[in-house]
Amino acid sequence: KNTLRNPTLEIPLKEKYTRKSLLDLHSSSCDKTTWY
């Protein structure tokens, strides 16, 4: 009764591997390849 789509798993992946700067409120984003 339970399935997951790949984009759903990319949400925590992005949160985990996107660095947040303390100097500003913006994240320094990387591309998906770097996350994976």
ModelCIF file with pLDDT and N, C-alpha, C, O atoms, coordinates in Angstrom:
data_MODEL
#
_entry.id   MODEL 
#
_entity.id                         1 
_entity.type                       polymer 
_entity.pdbx_number_of_molecules   1 
#
_entity_poly.entity_id                      1 
_entity_poly.type                           'polypeptide(L)' 
_entity_poly.nstd_linkage                   no 
_entity_poly.nstd_monomer                   no 
_entity_poly.pdbx_seq_one_letter_code       KNTLRNPTLEIPLKEKYTRKSLLDLHSSSCDKTTWY 
_entity_poly.pdbx_seq_one_letter_code_can   KNTLRNPTLEIPLKEKYTRKSLLDLHSSSCDKTTWY 
_entity_poly.pdbx_strand_id                 A 
#
loop_
_entity_poly_seq.entity_id 
_entity_poly_seq.num 
_entity_poly_seq.mon_id 
_entity_poly_seq.hetero 
1 1  LYS n 
1 2  ASN n 
1 3  THR n 
1 4  LEU n 
1 5  ARG n 
1 6  ASN n 
1 7  PRO n 
1 8  THR n 
1 9  LEU n 
1 10 GLU n 
1 11 ILE n 
1 12 PRO n 
1 13 LEU n 
1 14 LYS n 
1 15 GLU n 
1 16 LYS n 
1 17 TYR n 
1 18 THR n 
1 19 ARG n 
1 20 LYS n 
1 21 SER n 
1 22 LEU n 
1 23 LEU n 
1 24 ASP n 
1 25 LEU n 
1 26 HIS n 
1 27 SER n 
1 28 SER n 
1 29 SER n 
1 30 CYS n 
1 31 ASP n 
1 32 LYS n 
1 33 THR n 
1 34 THR n 
1 35 TRP n 
1 36 TYR n 
#
_struct_asym.id          A 
_struct_asym.entity_id   1 
#
loop_
_ma_qa_metric.id 
_ma_qa_metric.mode 
_ma_qa_metric.name 
_ma_qa_metric.software_group_id 
_ma_qa_metric.type 
1 global pLDDT . pLDDT 
2 local  pLDDT . pLDDT 
#
_ma_qa_metric_global.metric_id      1 
_ma_qa_metric_global.metric_value   72.75 
_ma_qa_metric_global.model_id       1 
_ma_qa_metric_global.ordinal_id     1 
#
loop_
_ma_qa_metric_local.label_asym_id 
_ma_qa_metric_local.label_comp_id 
_ma_qa_metric_local.label_seq_id 
_ma_qa_metric_local.metric_id 
_ma_qa_metric_local.metric_value 
_ma_qa_metric_local.model_id 
_ma_qa_metric_local.ordinal_id 
A LYS 1  2 90.00 1 1  
A ASN 2  2 89.00 1 2  
A THR 3  2 90.00 1 3  
A LEU 4  2 88.00 1 4  
A ARG 5  2 90.00 1 5  
A ASN 6  2 87.00 1 6  
A PRO 7  2 88.00 1 7  
A THR 8  2 89.00 1 8  
A LEU 9  2 85.00 1 9  
A GLU 10 2 84.00 1 10 
A ILE 11 2 85.00 1 11 
A PRO 12 2 84.00 1 12 
A LEU 13 2 81.00 1 13 
A LYS 14 2 81.00 1 14 
A GLU 15 2 80.00 1 15 
A LYS 16 2 78.00 1 16 
A TYR 17 2 73.00 1 17 
A THR 18 2 74.00 1 18 
A ARG 19 2 64.00 1 19 
A LYS 20 2 58.00 1 20 
A SER 21 2 52.00 1 21 
A LEU 22 2 52.00 1 22 
A LEU 23 2 52.00 1 23 
A ASP 24 2 47.00 1 24 
A LEU 25 2 49.00 1 25 
A HIS 26 2 49.00 1 26 
A SER 27 2 48.00 1 27 
A SER 28 2 51.00 1 28 
A SER 29 2 54.00 1 29 
A CYS 30 2 65.00 1 30 
A ASP 31 2 75.00 1 31 
A LYS 32 2 75.00 1 32 
A THR 33 2 77.00 1 33 
A THR 34 2 79.00 1 34 
A TRP 35 2 78.00 1 35 
A TYR 36 2 78.00 1 36 
#
loop_
_atom_site.group_PDB 
_atom_site.id 
_atom_site.type_symbol 
_atom_site.label_atom_id 
_atom_site.label_alt_id 
_atom_site.label_comp_id 
_atom_site.label_asym_id 
_atom_site.label_entity_id 
_atom_site.label_seq_id 
_atom_site.pdbx_PDB_ins_code 
_atom_site.Cartn_x 
_atom_site.Cartn_y 
_atom_site.Cartn_z 
_atom_site.occupancy 
_atom_site.B_iso_or_equiv 
_atom_site.pdbx_formal_charge 
_atom_site.auth_seq_id 
_atom_site.auth_comp_id 
_atom_site.auth_asym_id 
_atom_site.auth_atom_id 
_atom_site.pdbx_PDB_model_num 
ATOM 1   N N  . LYS A 1 1  ? 0.800  -1.228 0.000  1.00 90.00 ? 1  LYS A N  1 
ATOM 2   C CA . LYS A 1 1  ? 0.000  0.000  0.000  1.00 90.00 ? 1  LYS A CA 1 
ATOM 3   C C  . LYS A 1 1  ? 0.832  1.277  0.000  1.00 90.00 ? 1  LYS A C  1 
ATOM 4   O O  . LYS A 1 1  ? 0.274  2.372  0.072  1.00 90.00 ? 1  LYS A O  1 
ATOM 5   N N  . ASN A 1 2  ? 2.137  1.161  -0.078 1.00 89.00 ? 2  ASN A N  1 
ATOM 6   C CA . ASN A 1 2  ? 2.986  2.346  0.061  1.00 89.00 ? 2  ASN A CA 1 
ATOM 7   C C  . ASN A 1 2  ? 4.038  2.399  -1.043 1.00 89.00 ? 2  ASN A C  1 
ATOM 8   O O  . ASN A 1 2  ? 4.805  1.456  -1.239 1.00 89.00 ? 2  ASN A O  1 
ATOM 9   N N  . THR A 1 3  ? 4.056  3.517  -1.757 1.00 90.00 ? 3  THR A N  1 
ATOM 10  C CA . THR A 1 3  ? 5.076  3.747  -2.775 1.00 90.00 ? 3  THR A CA 1 
ATOM 11  C C  . THR A 1 3  ? 5.710  5.121  -2.553 1.00 90.00 ? 3  THR A C  1 
ATOM 12  O O  . THR A 1 3  ? 5.129  5.997  -1.911 1.00 90.00 ? 3  THR A O  1 
ATOM 13  N N  . LEU A 1 4  ? 6.892  5.281  -3.090 1.00 88.00 ? 4  LEU A N  1 
ATOM 14  C CA . LEU A 1 4  ? 7.592  6.567  -3.053 1.00 88.00 ? 4  LEU A CA 1 
ATOM 15  C C  . LEU A 1 4  ? 8.087  6.891  -4.445 1.00 88.00 ? 4  LEU A C  1 
ATOM 16  O O  . LEU A 1 4  ? 8.593  6.021  -5.153 1.00 88.00 ? 4  LEU A O  1 
ATOM 17  N N  . ARG A 1 5  ? 7.942  8.121  -4.826 1.00 90.00 ? 5  ARG A N  1 
ATOM 18  C CA . ARG A 1 5  ? 8.491  8.554  -6.106 1.00 90.00 ? 5  ARG A CA 1 
ATOM 19  C C  . ARG A 1 5  ? 9.867  9.150  -5.872 1.00 90.00 ? 5  ARG A C  1 
ATOM 20  O O  . ARG A 1 5  ? 10.141 9.698  -4.804 1.00 90.00 ? 5  ARG A O  1 
ATOM 21  N N  . ASN A 1 6  ? 10.716 9.046  -6.856 1.00 87.00 ? 6  ASN A N  1 
ATOM 22  C CA . ASN A 1 6  ? 12.085 9.529  -6.716 1.00 87.00 ? 6  ASN A CA 1 
ATOM 23  C C  . ASN A 1 6  ? 12.169 11.005 -6.316 1.00 87.00 ? 6  ASN A C  1 
ATOM 24  O O  . ASN A 1 6  ? 12.994 11.334 -5.464 1.00 87.00 ? 6  ASN A O  1 
ATOM 25  N N  . PRO A 1 7  ? 11.368 11.909 -6.879 1.00 88.00 ? 7  PRO A N  1 
ATOM 26  C CA . PRO A 1 7  ? 11.457 13.316 -6.455 1.00 88.00 ? 7  PRO A CA 1 
ATOM 27  C C  . PRO A 1 7  ? 11.171 13.526 -4.968 1.00 88.00 ? 7  PRO A C  1 
ATOM 28  O O  . PRO A 1 7  ? 11.676 14.477 -4.372 1.00 88.00 ? 7  PRO A O  1 
ATOM 29  N N  . THR A 1 8  ? 10.363 12.643 -4.362 1.00 89.00 ? 8  THR A N  1 
ATOM 30  C CA . THR A 1 8  ? 10.094 12.741 -2.933 1.00 89.00 ? 8  THR A CA 1 
ATOM 31  C C  . THR A 1 8  ? 11.368 12.504 -2.130 1.00 89.00 ? 8  THR A C  1 
ATOM 32  O O  . THR A 1 8  ? 11.589 13.155 -1.109 1.00 89.00 ? 8  THR A O  1 
ATOM 33  N N  . LEU A 1 9  ? 12.203 11.578 -2.585 1.00 85.00 ? 9  LEU A N  1 
ATOM 34  C CA . LEU A 1 9  ? 13.467 11.300 -1.902 1.00 85.00 ? 9  LEU A CA 1 
ATOM 35  C C  . LEU A 1 9  ? 14.510 12.390 -2.140 1.00 85.00 ? 9  LEU A C  1 
ATOM 36  O O  . LEU A 1 9  ? 15.464 12.518 -1.374 1.00 85.00 ? 9  LEU A O  1 
ATOM 37  N N  . GLU A 1 10 ? 14.328 13.167 -3.192 1.00 84.00 ? 10 GLU A N  1 
ATOM 38  C CA . GLU A 1 10 ? 15.282 14.246 -3.471 1.00 84.00 ? 10 GLU A CA 1 
ATOM 39  C C  . GLU A 1 10 ? 15.121 15.424 -2.511 1.00 84.00 ? 10 GLU A C  1 
ATOM 40  O O  . GLU A 1 10 ? 16.044 16.226 -2.363 1.00 84.00 ? 10 GLU A O  1 
ATOM 41  N N  . ILE A 1 11 ? 13.973 15.538 -1.862 1.00 85.00 ? 11 ILE A N  1 
ATOM 42  C CA . ILE A 1 11 ? 13.757 16.645 -0.922 1.00 85.00 ? 11 ILE A CA 1 
ATOM 43  C C  . ILE A 1 11 ? 14.734 16.564 0.251  1.00 85.00 ? 11 ILE A C  1 
ATOM 44  O O  . ILE A 1 11 ? 15.445 17.535 0.509  1.00 85.00 ? 11 ILE A O  1 
ATOM 45  N N  . PRO A 1 12 ? 14.794 15.424 0.982  1.00 84.00 ? 12 PRO A N  1 
ATOM 46  C CA . PRO A 1 12 ? 15.782 15.360 2.065  1.00 84.00 ? 12 PRO A CA 1 
ATOM 47  C C  . PRO A 1 12 ? 17.222 15.354 1.553  1.00 84.00 ? 12 PRO A C  1 
ATOM 48  O O  . PRO A 1 12 ? 18.131 15.801 2.253  1.00 84.00 ? 12 PRO A O  1 
ATOM 49  N N  . LEU A 1 13 ? 17.430 14.855 0.349  1.00 81.00 ? 13 LEU A N  1 
ATOM 50  C CA . LEU A 1 13 ? 18.765 14.863 -0.243 1.00 81.00 ? 13 LEU A CA 1 
ATOM 51  C C  . LEU A 1 13 ? 19.239 16.305 -0.442 1.00 81.00 ? 13 LEU A C  1 
ATOM 52  O O  . LEU A 1 13 ? 20.379 16.642 -0.121 1.00 81.00 ? 13 LEU A O  1 
ATOM 53  N N  . LYS A 1 14 ? 18.361 17.142 -0.970 1.00 81.00 ? 14 LYS A N  1 
ATOM 54  C CA . LYS A 1 14 ? 18.692 18.552 -1.178 1.00 81.00 ? 14 LYS A CA 1 
ATOM 55  C C  . LYS A 1 14 ? 18.965 19.239 0.164  1.00 81.00 ? 14 LYS A C  1 
ATOM 56  O O  . LYS A 1 14 ? 19.933 19.987 0.300  1.00 81.00 ? 14 LYS A O  1 
ATOM 57  N N  . GLU A 1 15 ? 18.110 18.980 1.145  1.00 80.00 ? 15 GLU A N  1 
ATOM 58  C CA . GLU A 1 15 ? 18.290 19.606 2.458  1.00 80.00 ? 15 GLU A CA 1 
ATOM 59  C C  . GLU A 1 15 ? 19.596 19.178 3.113  1.00 80.00 ? 15 GLU A C  1 
ATOM 60  O O  . GLU A 1 15 ? 20.254 19.976 3.781  1.00 80.00 ? 15 GLU A O  1 
ATOM 61  N N  . LYS A 1 16 ? 19.966 17.928 2.922  1.00 78.00 ? 16 LYS A N  1 
ATOM 62  C CA . LYS A 1 16 ? 21.152 17.387 3.562  1.00 78.00 ? 16 LYS A CA 1 
ATOM 63  C C  . LYS A 1 16 ? 22.448 17.907 2.939  1.00 78.00 ? 16 LYS A C  1 
ATOM 64  O O  . LYS A 1 16 ? 23.427 18.139 3.648  1.00 78.00 ? 16 LYS A O  1 
ATOM 65  N N  . TYR A 1 17 ? 22.457 18.090 1.626  1.00 73.00 ? 17 TYR A N  1 
ATOM 66  C CA . TYR A 1 17 ? 23.696 18.414 0.933  1.00 73.00 ? 17 TYR A CA 1 
ATOM 67  C C  . TYR A 1 17 ? 23.757 19.832 0.371  1.00 73.00 ? 17 TYR A C  1 
ATOM 68  O O  . TYR A 1 17 ? 24.666 20.147 -0.397 1.00 73.00 ? 17 TYR A O  1 
ATOM 69  N N  . THR A 1 18 ? 22.819 20.682 0.734  1.00 74.00 ? 18 THR A N  1 
ATOM 70  C CA . THR A 1 18 ? 22.898 22.085 0.363  1.00 74.00 ? 18 THR A CA 1 
ATOM 71  C C  . THR A 1 18 ? 23.401 22.838 1.583  1.00 74.00 ? 18 THR A C  1 
ATOM 72  O O  . THR A 1 18 ? 22.775 22.814 2.643  1.00 74.00 ? 18 THR A O  1 
ATOM 73  N N  . ARG A 1 19 ? 24.512 23.492 1.429  1.00 64.00 ? 19 ARG A N  1 
ATOM 74  C CA . ARG A 1 19 ? 25.096 24.212 2.558  1.00 64.00 ? 19 ARG A CA 1 
ATOM 75  C C  . ARG A 1 19 ? 24.351 25.513 2.795  1.00 64.00 ? 19 ARG A C  1 
ATOM 76  O O  . ARG A 1 19 ? 23.983 26.224 1.859  1.00 64.00 ? 19 ARG A O  1 
ATOM 77  N N  . LYS A 1 20 ? 24.143 25.797 4.037  1.00 58.00 ? 20 LYS A N  1 
ATOM 78  C CA . LYS A 1 20 ? 23.498 27.045 4.413  1.00 58.00 ? 20 LYS A CA 1 
ATOM 79  C C  . LYS A 1 20 ? 24.563 27.977 4.985  1.00 58.00 ? 20 LYS A C  1 
ATOM 80  O O  . LYS A 1 20 ? 25.343 27.591 5.856  1.00 58.00 ? 20 LYS A O  1 
ATOM 81  N N  . SER A 1 21 ? 24.581 29.177 4.492  1.00 52.00 ? 21 SER A N  1 
ATOM 82  C CA . SER A 1 21 ? 25.559 30.152 4.937  1.00 52.00 ? 21 SER A CA 1 
ATOM 83  C C  . SER A 1 21 ? 25.049 30.873 6.169  1.00 52.00 ? 21 SER A C  1 
ATOM 84  O O  . SER A 1 21 ? 23.876 31.241 6.238  1.00 52.00 ? 21 SER A O  1 
ATOM 85  N N  . LEU A 1 22 ? 25.912 31.073 7.129  1.00 52.00 ? 22 LEU A N  1 
ATOM 86  C CA . LEU A 1 22 ? 25.536 31.823 8.323  1.00 52.00 ? 22 LEU A CA 1 
ATOM 87  C C  . LEU A 1 22 ? 25.543 33.326 8.055  1.00 52.00 ? 22 LEU A C  1 
ATOM 88  O O  . LEU A 1 22 ? 24.928 34.089 8.800  1.00 52.00 ? 22 LEU A O  1 
ATOM 89  N N  . LEU A 1 23 ? 26.222 33.751 7.014  1.00 52.00 ? 23 LEU A N  1 
ATOM 90  C CA . LEU A 1 23 ? 26.328 35.177 6.720  1.00 52.00 ? 23 LEU A CA 1 
ATOM 91  C C  . LEU A 1 23 ? 25.109 35.728 6.003  1.00 52.00 ? 23 LEU A C  1 
ATOM 92  O O  . LEU A 1 23 ? 24.831 36.925 6.070  1.00 52.00 ? 23 LEU A O  1 
ATOM 93  N N  . ASP A 1 24 ? 24.386 34.862 5.321  1.00 47.00 ? 24 ASP A N  1 
ATOM 94  C CA . ASP A 1 24 ? 23.161 35.323 4.665  1.00 47.00 ? 24 ASP A CA 1 
ATOM 95  C C  . ASP A 1 24 ? 22.089 34.251 4.785  1.00 47.00 ? 24 ASP A C  1 
ATOM 96  O O  . ASP A 1 24 ? 22.356 33.144 5.251  1.00 47.00 ? 24 ASP A O  1 
ATOM 97  N N  . LEU A 1 25 ? 20.923 34.571 4.380  1.00 49.00 ? 25 LEU A N  1 
ATOM 98  C CA . LEU A 1 25 ? 19.800 33.646 4.516  1.00 49.00 ? 25 LEU A CA 1 
ATOM 99  C C  . LEU A 1 25 ? 19.627 32.744 3.304  1.00 49.00 ? 25 LEU A C  1 
ATOM 100 O O  . LEU A 1 25 ? 18.716 31.917 3.258  1.00 49.00 ? 25 LEU A O  1 
ATOM 101 N N  . HIS A 1 26 ? 20.497 32.908 2.334  1.00 49.00 ? 26 HIS A N  1 
ATOM 102 C CA . HIS A 1 26 ? 20.382 32.116 1.112  1.00 49.00 ? 26 HIS A CA 1 
ATOM 103 C C  . HIS A 1 26 ? 21.250 30.873 1.208  1.00 49.00 ? 26 HIS A C  1 
ATOM 104 O O  . HIS A 1 26 ? 22.304 30.887 1.844  1.00 49.00 ? 26 HIS A O  1 
ATOM 105 N N  . SER A 1 27 ? 20.807 29.812 0.580  1.00 48.00 ? 27 SER A N  1 
ATOM 106 C CA . SER A 1 27 ? 21.584 28.582 0.520  1.00 48.00 ? 27 SER A CA 1 
ATOM 107 C C  . SER A 1 27 ? 22.480 28.623 -0.706 1.00 48.00 ? 27 SER A C  1 
ATOM 108 O O  . SER A 1 27 ? 22.082 29.102 -1.768 1.00 48.00 ? 27 SER A O  1 
ATOM 109 N N  . SER A 1 28 ? 23.686 28.119 -0.544 1.00 51.00 ? 28 SER A N  1 
ATOM 110 C CA . SER A 1 28 ? 24.535 27.966 -1.717 1.00 51.00 ? 28 SER A CA 1 
ATOM 111 C C  . SER A 1 28 ? 24.136 26.652 -2.368 1.00 51.00 ? 28 SER A C  1 
ATOM 112 O O  . SER A 1 28 ? 24.494 25.579 -1.884 1.00 51.00 ? 28 SER A O  1 
ATOM 113 N N  . SER A 1 29 ? 23.414 26.735 -3.438 1.00 54.00 ? 29 SER A N  1 
ATOM 114 C CA . SER A 1 29 ? 22.846 25.519 -4.018 1.00 54.00 ? 29 SER A CA 1 
ATOM 115 C C  . SER A 1 29 ? 23.852 24.838 -4.931 1.00 54.00 ? 29 SER A C  1 
ATOM 116 O O  . SER A 1 29 ? 24.644 25.494 -5.608 1.00 54.00 ? 29 SER A O  1 
ATOM 117 N N  . CYS A 1 30 ? 23.810 23.543 -4.938 1.00 65.00 ? 30 CYS A N  1 
ATOM 118 C CA . CYS A 1 30 ? 24.583 22.717 -5.847 1.00 65.00 ? 30 CYS A CA 1 
ATOM 119 C C  . CYS A 1 30 ? 23.571 22.059 -6.774 1.00 65.00 ? 30 CYS A C  1 
ATOM 120 O O  . CYS A 1 30 ? 22.363 22.113 -6.543 1.00 65.00 ? 30 CYS A O  1 
ATOM 121 N N  . ASP A 1 31 ? 24.078 21.452 -7.802 1.00 75.00 ? 31 ASP A N  1 
ATOM 122 C CA . ASP A 1 31 ? 23.153 20.749 -8.681 1.00 75.00 ? 31 ASP A CA 1 
ATOM 123 C C  . ASP A 1 31 ? 22.863 19.350 -8.138 1.00 75.00 ? 31 ASP A C  1 
ATOM 124 O O  . ASP A 1 31 ? 23.516 18.882 -7.205 1.00 75.00 ? 31 ASP A O  1 
ATOM 125 N N  . LYS A 1 32 ? 21.888 18.707 -8.730 1.00 75.00 ? 32 LYS A N  1 
ATOM 126 C CA . LYS A 1 32 ? 21.464 17.384 -8.258 1.00 75.00 ? 32 LYS A CA 1 
ATOM 127 C C  . LYS A 1 32 ? 22.592 16.368 -8.340 1.00 75.00 ? 32 LYS A C  1 
ATOM 128 O O  . LYS A 1 32 ? 22.684 15.470 -7.503 1.00 75.00 ? 32 LYS A O  1 
ATOM 129 N N  . THR A 1 33 ? 23.439 16.504 -9.334 1.00 77.00 ? 33 THR A N  1 
ATOM 130 C CA . THR A 1 33 ? 24.546 15.562 -9.467 1.00 77.00 ? 33 THR A CA 1 
ATOM 131 C C  . THR A 1 33 ? 25.417 15.579 -8.222 1.00 77.00 ? 33 THR A C  1 
ATOM 132 O O  . THR A 1 33 ? 25.835 14.522 -7.749 1.00 77.00 ? 33 THR A O  1 
ATOM 133 N N  . THR A 1 34 ? 25.695 16.753 -7.686 1.00 79.00 ? 34 THR A N  1 
ATOM 134 C CA . THR A 1 34 ? 26.511 16.877 -6.476 1.00 79.00 ? 34 THR A CA 1 
ATOM 135 C C  . THR A 1 34 ? 25.816 16.247 -5.287 1.00 79.00 ? 34 THR A C  1 
ATOM 136 O O  . THR A 1 34 ? 26.463 15.586 -4.475 1.00 79.00 ? 34 THR A O  1 
ATOM 137 N N  . TRP A 1 35 ? 24.513 16.437 -5.168 1.00 78.00 ? 35 TRP A N  1 
ATOM 138 C CA . TRP A 1 35 ? 23.762 15.821 -4.065 1.00 78.00 ? 35 TRP A CA 1 
ATOM 139 C C  . TRP A 1 35 ? 23.893 14.307 -4.124 1.00 78.00 ? 35 TRP A C  1 
ATOM 140 O O  . TRP A 1 35 ? 24.208 13.656 -3.127 1.00 78.00 ? 35 TRP A O  1 
ATOM 141 N N  . TYR A 1 36 ? 23.645 13.756 -5.315 1.00 78.00 ? 36 TYR A N  1 
ATOM 142 C CA . TYR A 1 36 ? 23.693 12.307 -5.475 1.00 78.00 ? 36 TYR A CA 1 
ATOM 143 C C  . TYR A 1 36 ? 25.100 11.764 -5.234 1.00 78.00 ? 36 TYR A C  1 
ATOM 144 O O  . TYR A 1 36 ? 25.320 10.557 -5.328 1.00 78.00 ? 36 TYR A O  1 
#
